[in-house]
All heavy atoms as atom14 arrays in JSON, in Angstrom:
{
  "sequence": "WFVSIYHYNRWAIVTNQPWVSSEHMNCMELTFPEWVTNRY",
  "atom14_mask": [
    [1, 1, 1, 1, 1, 1, 1, 1, 1, 1, 1, 1, 1, 1],
    [1, 1, 1, 1, 1, 1, 1, 1, 1, 1, 1, 0, 0, 0],
    [1, 1, 1, 1, 1, 1, 1, 0, 0, 0, 0, 0, 0, 0],
    [1, 1, 1, 1, 1, 1, 0, 0, 0, 0, 0, 0, 0, 0],
    [1, 1, 1, 1, 1, 1, 1, 1, 0, 0, 0, 0, 0, 0],
    [1, 1, 1, 1, 1, 1, 1, 1, 1, 1, 1, 1, 0, 0],
    [1, 1, 1, 1, 1, 1, 1, 1, 1, 1, 0, 0, 0, 0],
    [1, 1, 1, 1, 1, 1, 1, 1, 1, 1, 1, 1, 0, 0],
    [1, 1, 1, 1, 1, 1, 1, 1, 0, 0, 0, 0, 0, 0],
    [1, 1, 1, 1, 1, 1, 1, 1, 1, 1, 1, 0, 0, 0],
    [1, 1, 1, 1, 1, 1, 1, 1, 1, 1, 1, 1, 1, 1],
    [1, 1, 1, 1, 1, 0, 0, 0, 0, 0, 0, 0, 0, 0],
    [1, 1, 1, 1, 1, 1, 1, 1, 0, 0, 0, 0, 0, 0],
    [1, 1, 1, 1, 1, 1, 1, 0, 0, 0, 0, 0, 0, 0],
    [1, 1, 1, 1, 1, 1, 1, 0, 0, 0, 0, 0, 0, 0],
    [1, 1, 1, 1, 1, 1, 1, 1, 0, 0, 0, 0, 0, 0],
    [1, 1, 1, 1, 1, 1, 1, 1, 1, 0, 0, 0, 0, 0],
    [1, 1, 1, 1, 1, 1, 1, 0, 0, 0, 0, 0, 0, 0],
    [1, 1, 1, 1, 1, 1, 1, 1, 1, 1, 1, 1, 1, 1],
    [1, 1, 1, 1, 1, 1, 1, 0, 0, 0, 0, 0, 0, 0],
    [1, 1, 1, 1, 1, 1, 0, 0, 0, 0, 0, 0, 0, 0],
    [1, 1, 1, 1, 1, 1, 0, 0, 0, 0, 0, 0, 0, 0],
    [1, 1, 1, 1, 1, 1, 1, 1, 1, 0, 0, 0, 0, 0],
    [1, 1, 1, 1, 1, 1, 1, 1, 1, 1, 0, 0, 0, 0],
    [1, 1, 1, 1, 1, 1, 1, 1, 0, 0, 0, 0, 0, 0],
    [1, 1, 1, 1, 1, 1, 1, 1, 0, 0, 0, 0, 0, 0],
    [1, 1, 1, 1, 1, 1, 0, 0, 0, 0, 0, 0, 0, 0],
    [1, 1, 1, 1, 1, 1, 1, 1, 0, 0, 0, 0, 0, 0],
    [1, 1, 1, 1, 1, 1, 1, 1, 1, 0, 0, 0, 0, 0],
    [1, 1, 1, 1, 1, 1, 1, 1, 0, 0, 0, 0, 0, 0],
    [1, 1, 1, 1, 1, 1, 1, 0, 0, 0, 0, 0, 0, 0],
    [1, 1, 1, 1, 1, 1, 1, 1, 1, 1, 1, 0, 0, 0],
    [1, 1, 1, 1, 1, 1, 1, 0, 0, 0, 0, 0, 0, 0],
    [1, 1, 1, 1, 1, 1, 1, 1, 1, 0, 0, 0, 0, 0],
    [1, 1, 1, 1, 1, 1, 1, 1, 1, 1, 1, 1, 1, 1],
    [1, 1, 1, 1, 1, 1, 1, 0, 0, 0, 0, 0, 0, 0],
    [1, 1, 1, 1, 1, 1, 1, 0, 0, 0, 0, 0, 0, 0],
    [1, 1, 1, 1, 1, 1, 1, 1, 0, 0, 0, 0, 0, 0],
    [1, 1, 1, 1, 1, 1, 1, 1, 1, 1, 1, 0, 0, 0],
    [1, 1, 1, 1, 1, 1, 1, 1, 1, 1, 1, 1, 0, 0]
  ],
  "atom14_positions": [
    [[2.54, 7.5, 96.4], [3.88, 8.06, 96.24], [4.85, 7.44, 97.25], [5.94, 7.0, 96.88], [3.81, 9.58, 96.42], [5.05, 10.34, 96.06], [5.77, 10.24, 94.91], [5.67, 11.36, 96.84], [6.83, 11.13, 94.92], [6.79, 11.84, 96.11], [5.4, 11.92, 98.09], [7.62, 12.84, 96.58], [6.23, 12.94, 98.56], [7.33, 13.38, 97.81]],
    [[4.45, 7.39, 98.52], [5.34, 6.84, 99.54], [5.57, 5.34, 99.34], [6.68, 4.84, 99.57], [4.79, 7.13, 100.94], [5.56, 8.19, 101.69], [6.1, 9.27, 101.02], [5.75, 8.11, 103.06], [6.82, 10.25, 101.7], [6.47, 9.08, 103.75], [7.0, 10.15, 103.07], [0.0, 0.0, 0.0], [0.0, 0.0, 0.0], [0.0, 0.0, 0.0]],
    [[4.54, 4.62, 98.93], [4.73, 3.18, 98.65], [5.72, 3.01, 97.51], [6.62, 2.16, 97.55], [3.38, 2.51, 98.31], [3.6, 1.09, 97.79], [2.48, 2.48, 99.54], [0.0, 0.0, 0.0], [0.0, 0.0, 0.0], [0.0, 0.0, 0.0], [0.0, 0.0, 0.0], [0.0, 0.0, 0.0], [0.0, 0.0, 0.0], [0.0, 0.0, 0.0]],
    [[5.59, 3.82, 96.47], [6.49, 3.73, 95.33], [7.92, 4.07, 95.73], [8.88, 3.39, 95.32], [6.01, 4.68, 94.22], [6.85, 4.61, 93.1], [0.0, 0.0, 0.0], [0.0, 0.0, 0.0], [0.0, 0.0, 0.0], [0.0, 0.0, 0.0], [0.0, 0.0, 0.0], [0.0, 0.0, 0.0], [0.0, 0.0, 0.0], [0.0, 0.0, 0.0]],
    [[8.1, 5.13, 96.53], [9.44, 5.51, 96.98], [10.07, 4.39, 97.8], [11.25, 4.05, 97.61], [9.38, 6.81, 97.81], [9.01, 7.99, 96.92], [10.72, 7.07, 98.51], [8.7, 9.26, 97.68], [0.0, 0.0, 0.0], [0.0, 0.0, 0.0], [0.0, 0.0, 0.0], [0.0, 0.0, 0.0], [0.0, 0.0, 0.0], [0.0, 0.0, 0.0]],
    [[9.29, 3.81, 98.68], [9.8, 2.72, 99.54], [10.31, 1.56, 98.7], [11.44, 1.09, 98.89], [8.68, 2.27, 100.47], [9.03, 1.09, 101.36], [9.85, 1.25, 102.47], [8.52, -0.18, 101.08], [10.16, 0.17, 103.29], [8.82, -1.26, 101.89], [9.65, -1.08, 102.99], [9.96, -2.15, 103.8], [0.0, 0.0, 0.0], [0.0, 0.0, 0.0]],
    [[9.52, 1.12, 97.74], [9.93, -0.03, 96.93], [11.05, 0.35, 95.94], [11.92, -0.48, 95.65], [8.73, -0.6, 96.19], [7.82, -1.38, 97.09], [8.19, -2.57, 97.67], [6.56, -1.12, 97.53], [7.2, -3.02, 98.42], [6.21, -2.16, 98.36], [0.0, 0.0, 0.0], [0.0, 0.0, 0.0], [0.0, 0.0, 0.0], [0.0, 0.0, 0.0]],
    [[11.03, 1.58, 95.47], [12.1, 2.02, 94.57], [13.45, 2.03, 95.3], [14.48, 1.62, 94.75], [11.79, 3.4, 94.01], [12.81, 3.91, 93.02], [12.9, 3.34, 91.74], [13.68, 4.94, 93.35], [13.83, 3.81, 90.82], [14.62, 5.4, 92.43], [14.68, 4.82, 91.17], [15.61, 5.27, 90.26], [0.0, 0.0, 0.0], [0.0, 0.0, 0.0]],
    [[13.44, 2.52, 96.54], [14.67, 2.54, 97.33], [15.18, 1.12, 97.59], [16.39, 0.87, 97.55], [14.44, 3.27, 98.65], [14.3, 4.77, 98.47], [14.56, 5.3, 97.4], [13.87, 5.44, 99.52], [0.0, 0.0, 0.0], [0.0, 0.0, 0.0], [0.0, 0.0, 0.0], [0.0, 0.0, 0.0], [0.0, 0.0, 0.0], [0.0, 0.0, 0.0]],
    [[14.27, 0.2, 97.85], [14.68, -1.19, 98.06], [15.28, -1.78, 96.78], [16.29, -2.49, 96.82], [13.47, -2.02, 98.53], [13.04, -1.69, 99.95], [11.7, -2.33, 100.29], [11.78, -3.78, 100.32], [12.08, -4.5, 101.41], [12.35, -3.89, 102.56], [12.11, -5.82, 101.37], [0.0, 0.0, 0.0], [0.0, 0.0, 0.0], [0.0, 0.0, 0.0]],
    [[14.67, -1.47, 95.65], [15.21, -1.91, 94.36], [16.61, -1.35, 94.15], [17.53, -2.05, 93.69], [14.3, -1.47, 93.23], [14.92, -1.6, 91.87], [14.98, -2.71, 91.08], [15.62, -0.57, 91.15], [15.66, -2.45, 89.91], [16.07, -1.14, 89.93], [15.91, 0.78, 91.41], [16.79, -0.41, 88.99], [16.63, 1.5, 90.47], [17.05, 0.9, 89.27]],
    [[16.8, -0.07, 94.48], [18.09, 0.58, 94.28], [19.18, -0.08, 95.13], [20.32, -0.21, 94.68], [17.98, 2.07, 94.64], [0.0, 0.0, 0.0], [0.0, 0.0, 0.0], [0.0, 0.0, 0.0], [0.0, 0.0, 0.0], [0.0, 0.0, 0.0], [0.0, 0.0, 0.0], [0.0, 0.0, 0.0], [0.0, 0.0, 0.0], [0.0, 0.0, 0.0]],
    [[18.82, -0.5, 96.32], [19.79, -1.17, 97.2], [20.17, -2.54, 96.62], [21.35, -2.88, 96.51], [19.21, -1.32, 98.62], [19.02, 0.06, 99.26], [20.13, -2.19, 99.49], [18.13, 0.04, 100.48], [0.0, 0.0, 0.0], [0.0, 0.0, 0.0], [0.0, 0.0, 0.0], [0.0, 0.0, 0.0], [0.0, 0.0, 0.0], [0.0, 0.0, 0.0]],
    [[19.17, -3.3, 96.22], [19.42, -4.66, 95.69], [20.25, -4.6, 94.42], [21.1, -5.47, 94.18], [18.07, -5.37, 95.44], [18.29, -6.67, 94.68], [17.36, -5.64, 96.77], [0.0, 0.0, 0.0], [0.0, 0.0, 0.0], [0.0, 0.0, 0.0], [0.0, 0.0, 0.0], [0.0, 0.0, 0.0], [0.0, 0.0, 0.0], [0.0, 0.0, 0.0]],
    [[20.04, -3.6, 93.6], [20.75, -3.49, 92.31], [22.0, -2.62, 92.39], [22.61, -2.3, 91.37], [19.81, -2.93, 91.23], [19.29, -1.65, 91.66], [18.65, -3.88, 90.97], [0.0, 0.0, 0.0], [0.0, 0.0, 0.0], [0.0, 0.0, 0.0], [0.0, 0.0, 0.0], [0.0, 0.0, 0.0], [0.0, 0.0, 0.0], [0.0, 0.0, 0.0]],
    [[22.37, -2.23, 93.63], [23.61, -1.48, 93.86], [23.71, -0.2, 93.03], [24.73, 0.08, 92.39], [24.83, -2.37, 93.55], [24.94, -3.56, 94.49], [24.84, -3.41, 95.7], [25.12, -4.75, 93.92], [0.0, 0.0, 0.0], [0.0, 0.0, 0.0], [0.0, 0.0, 0.0], [0.0, 0.0, 0.0], [0.0, 0.0, 0.0], [0.0, 0.0, 0.0]],
    [[22.65, 0.58, 93.06], [22.69, 1.86, 92.36], [23.72, 2.79, 93.03], [23.81, 2.83, 94.27], [21.31, 2.51, 92.38], [20.25, 1.73, 91.62], [20.6, 1.57, 90.15], [20.86, 2.54, 89.46], [20.6, 0.33, 89.68], [0.0, 0.0, 0.0], [0.0, 0.0, 0.0], [0.0, 0.0, 0.0], [0.0, 0.0, 0.0], [0.0, 0.0, 0.0]],
    [[24.49, 3.53, 92.25], [25.59, 4.32, 92.82], [25.17, 5.46, 93.73], [25.97, 5.95, 94.52], [26.32, 4.85, 91.58], [25.29, 4.83, 90.49], [24.43, 3.64, 90.78], [0.0, 0.0, 0.0], [0.0, 0.0, 0.0], [0.0, 0.0, 0.0], [0.0, 0.0, 0.0], [0.0, 0.0, 0.0], [0.0, 0.0, 0.0], [0.0, 0.0, 0.0]],
    [[23.92, 5.89, 93.63], [23.48, 7.04, 94.42], [22.86, 6.66, 95.76], [22.42, 7.52, 96.52], [22.48, 7.86, 93.62], [21.42, 7.05, 92.91], [21.44, 6.66, 91.6], [20.2, 6.52, 93.46], [20.32, 5.93, 91.29], [19.54, 5.83, 92.42], [19.61, 6.56, 94.71], [18.32, 5.19, 92.59], [18.4, 5.93, 94.9], [17.76, 5.25, 93.85]],
    [[22.84, 5.36, 96.08], [22.22, 4.92, 97.33], [22.99, 5.47, 98.53], [24.22, 5.43, 98.57], [22.18, 3.38, 97.4], [21.81, 2.9, 98.8], [21.2, 2.83, 96.37], [0.0, 0.0, 0.0], [0.0, 0.0, 0.0], [0.0, 0.0, 0.0], [0.0, 0.0, 0.0], [0.0, 0.0, 0.0], [0.0, 0.0, 0.0], [0.0, 0.0, 0.0]],
    [[22.24, 5.99, 99.5], [22.84, 6.54, 100.72], [22.29, 5.81, 101.94], [21.44, 4.92, 101.83], [22.51, 8.03, 100.84], [21.12, 8.21, 101.09], [0.0, 0.0, 0.0], [0.0, 0.0, 0.0], [0.0, 0.0, 0.0], [0.0, 0.0, 0.0], [0.0, 0.0, 0.0], [0.0, 0.0, 0.0], [0.0, 0.0, 0.0], [0.0, 0.0, 0.0]],
    [[22.76, 6.19, 103.11], [22.29, 5.56, 104.35], [20.79, 5.79, 104.54], [20.09, 4.96, 105.13], [23.06, 6.13, 105.55], [22.91, 7.54, 105.61], [0.0, 0.0, 0.0], [0.0, 0.0, 0.0], [0.0, 0.0, 0.0], [0.0, 0.0, 0.0], [0.0, 0.0, 0.0], [0.0, 0.0, 0.0], [0.0, 0.0, 0.0], [0.0, 0.0, 0.0]],
    [[20.27, 6.91, 104.02], [18.84, 7.17, 104.12], [18.03, 6.13, 103.35], [16.95, 5.73, 103.79], [18.52, 8.57, 103.59], [17.04, 8.93, 103.7], [16.75, 10.32, 103.18], [17.7, 11.07, 102.87], [15.56, 10.67, 103.1], [0.0, 0.0, 0.0], [0.0, 0.0, 0.0], [0.0, 0.0, 0.0], [0.0, 0.0, 0.0], [0.0, 0.0, 0.0]],
    [[18.56, 5.7, 102.2], [17.88, 4.68, 101.42], [18.0, 3.3, 102.09], [17.08, 2.49, 102.01], [18.45, 4.6, 100.0], [18.36, 5.88, 99.24], [19.42, 6.73, 99.1], [17.32, 6.46, 98.59], [19.05, 7.78, 98.38], [17.78, 7.64, 98.07], [0.0, 0.0, 0.0], [0.0, 0.0, 0.0], [0.0, 0.0, 0.0], [0.0, 0.0, 0.0]],
    [[19.1, 3.08, 102.76], [19.36, 1.76, 103.32], [18.31, 1.33, 104.33], [18.0, 0.15, 104.46], [20.74, 1.72, 103.98], [21.91, 1.81, 103.01], [21.96, 0.46, 101.81], [22.33, -0.93, 102.89], [0.0, 0.0, 0.0], [0.0, 0.0, 0.0], [0.0, 0.0, 0.0], [0.0, 0.0, 0.0], [0.0, 0.0, 0.0], [0.0, 0.0, 0.0]],
    [[17.73, 2.3, 105.05], [16.76, 1.89, 106.07], [15.48, 1.32, 105.48], [14.68, 0.71, 106.19], [16.46, 3.03, 107.06], [15.78, 4.22, 106.42], [15.16, 4.12, 105.37], [15.9, 5.37, 107.06], [0.0, 0.0, 0.0], [0.0, 0.0, 0.0], [0.0, 0.0, 0.0], [0.0, 0.0, 0.0], [0.0, 0.0, 0.0], [0.0, 0.0, 0.0]],
    [[15.27, 1.49, 104.17], [14.13, 0.84, 103.53], [14.29, -0.67, 103.53], [13.31, -1.41, 103.48], [13.96, 1.35, 102.09], [13.31, 3.01, 101.97], [0.0, 0.0, 0.0], [0.0, 0.0, 0.0], [0.0, 0.0, 0.0], [0.0, 0.0, 0.0], [0.0, 0.0, 0.0], [0.0, 0.0, 0.0], [0.0, 0.0, 0.0], [0.0, 0.0, 0.0]],
    [[15.53, -1.14, 103.54], [15.8, -2.56, 103.57], [15.67, -3.11, 104.99], [15.3, -4.26, 105.2], [17.22, -2.8, 103.07], [17.42, -3.81, 101.96], [16.18, -3.97, 100.72], [16.66, -5.59, 100.15], [0.0, 0.0, 0.0], [0.0, 0.0, 0.0], [0.0, 0.0, 0.0], [0.0, 0.0, 0.0], [0.0, 0.0, 0.0], [0.0, 0.0, 0.0]],
    [[15.94, -2.27, 105.95], [15.95, -2.69, 107.34], [14.59, -2.58, 108.01], [14.33, -3.25, 109.02], [16.96, -1.83, 108.12], [18.39, -1.94, 107.59], [19.28, -0.82, 108.07], [18.76, 0.06, 108.81], [20.47, -0.8, 107.73], [0.0, 0.0, 0.0], [0.0, 0.0, 0.0], [0.0, 0.0, 0.0], [0.0, 0.0, 0.0], [0.0, 0.0, 0.0]],
    [[13.72, -1.74, 107.44], [12.43, -1.47, 108.07], [11.27, -1.98, 107.22], [11.35, -1.96, 105.99], [12.25, 0.04, 108.28], [13.32, 0.76, 109.1], [13.06, 2.26, 109.1], [13.37, 0.24, 110.53], [0.0, 0.0, 0.0], [0.0, 0.0, 0.0], [0.0, 0.0, 0.0], [0.0, 0.0, 0.0], [0.0, 0.0, 0.0], [0.0, 0.0, 0.0]],
    [[10.21, -2.41, 107.88], [8.97, -2.67, 107.16], [8.37, -1.35, 106.72], [8.79, -0.27, 107.19], [7.96, -3.4, 108.05], [7.59, -2.53, 109.14], [8.55, -4.7, 108.61], [0.0, 0.0, 0.0], [0.0, 0.0, 0.0], [0.0, 0.0, 0.0], [0.0, 0.0, 0.0], [0.0, 0.0, 0.0], [0.0, 0.0, 0.0], [0.0, 0.0, 0.0]],
    [[7.38, -1.4, 105.83], [6.78, -0.15, 105.37], [6.18, 0.65, 106.54], [6.44, 1.86, 106.64], [5.72, -0.41, 104.3], [5.08, 0.84, 103.78], [5.77, 1.66, 102.9], [3.81, 1.21, 104.18], [5.19, 2.84, 102.42], [3.22, 2.38, 103.71], [3.91, 3.2, 102.82], [0.0, 0.0, 0.0], [0.0, 0.0, 0.0], [0.0, 0.0, 0.0]],
    [[5.4, 0.04, 107.45], [4.88, 0.83, 108.58], [6.0, 1.43, 109.43], [5.9, 2.58, 109.88], [4.07, -0.19, 109.38], [3.66, -1.21, 108.38], [4.82, -1.31, 107.44], [0.0, 0.0, 0.0], [0.0, 0.0, 0.0], [0.0, 0.0, 0.0], [0.0, 0.0, 0.0], [0.0, 0.0, 0.0], [0.0, 0.0, 0.0], [0.0, 0.0, 0.0]],
    [[7.07, 0.69, 109.63], [8.2, 1.22, 110.41], [8.86, 2.38, 109.68], [9.26, 3.38, 110.29], [9.22, 0.12, 110.66], [8.75, -0.95, 111.63], [9.7, -2.15, 111.68], [10.49, -2.32, 110.73], [9.63, -2.9, 112.67], [0.0, 0.0, 0.0], [0.0, 0.0, 0.0], [0.0, 0.0, 0.0], [0.0, 0.0, 0.0], [0.0, 0.0, 0.0]],
    [[8.98, 2.26, 108.36], [9.6, 3.32, 107.56], [8.78, 4.6, 107.59], [9.32, 5.69, 107.78], [9.78, 2.82, 106.12], [10.43, 3.8, 105.2], [11.74, 4.16, 105.16], [9.78, 4.55, 104.17], [11.96, 5.09, 104.17], [10.77, 5.33, 103.54], [8.47, 4.61, 103.7], [10.48, 6.18, 102.47], [8.18, 5.45, 102.65], [9.17, 6.24, 102.04]],
    [[7.46, 4.47, 107.43], [6.59, 5.65, 107.49], [6.67, 6.29, 108.88], [6.75, 7.51, 109.01], [5.13, 5.29, 107.15], [4.2, 6.48, 107.41], [5.01, 4.85, 105.7], [0.0, 0.0, 0.0], [0.0, 0.0, 0.0], [0.0, 0.0, 0.0], [0.0, 0.0, 0.0], [0.0, 0.0, 0.0], [0.0, 0.0, 0.0], [0.0, 0.0, 0.0]],
    [[6.64, 5.46, 109.91], [6.73, 5.98, 111.28], [8.05, 6.71, 111.49], [8.09, 7.76, 112.15], [6.59, 4.83, 112.29], [5.34, 4.17, 112.08], [6.66, 5.34, 113.72], [0.0, 0.0, 0.0], [0.0, 0.0, 0.0], [0.0, 0.0, 0.0], [0.0, 0.0, 0.0], [0.0, 0.0, 0.0], [0.0, 0.0, 0.0], [0.0, 0.0, 0.0]],
    [[9.12, 6.18, 110.93], [10.42, 6.84, 111.04], [10.41, 8.18, 110.31], [10.93, 9.18, 110.8], [11.51, 5.94, 110.46], [12.9, 6.5, 110.67], [13.28, 6.81, 111.79], [13.65, 6.64, 109.59], [0.0, 0.0, 0.0], [0.0, 0.0, 0.0], [0.0, 0.0, 0.0], [0.0, 0.0, 0.0], [0.0, 0.0, 0.0], [0.0, 0.0, 0.0]],
    [[9.8, 8.21, 109.11], [9.66, 9.47, 108.38], [8.85, 10.48, 109.19], [9.16, 11.67, 109.22], [8.95, 9.25, 107.04], [9.62, 8.32, 106.05], [10.91, 8.88, 105.49], [12.05, 8.49, 106.31], [13.27, 8.98, 106.21], [13.52, 9.91, 105.34], [14.24, 8.56, 107.0], [0.0, 0.0, 0.0], [0.0, 0.0, 0.0], [0.0, 0.0, 0.0]],
    [[7.81, 9.99, 109.84], [6.96, 10.87, 110.64], [7.73, 11.43, 111.83], [7.56, 12.6, 112.19], [5.72, 10.11, 111.11], [4.79, 10.95, 111.96], [3.98, 11.92, 111.36], [4.73, 10.78, 113.33], [3.13, 12.71, 112.13], [3.89, 11.56, 114.11], [3.09, 12.52, 113.5], [2.26, 13.3, 114.26], [0.0, 0.0, 0.0], [0.0, 0.0, 0.0]]
  ]
}
């Protein structure tokens, strides 16, 4: 689930989905381990 969310958020940023927020943006800035650690 978390892997899917991470990649989905990255897709949403690249394709300029209108609902993207700053919370989604950090998926582009962080690696997956960094993103999970940030969530934790």
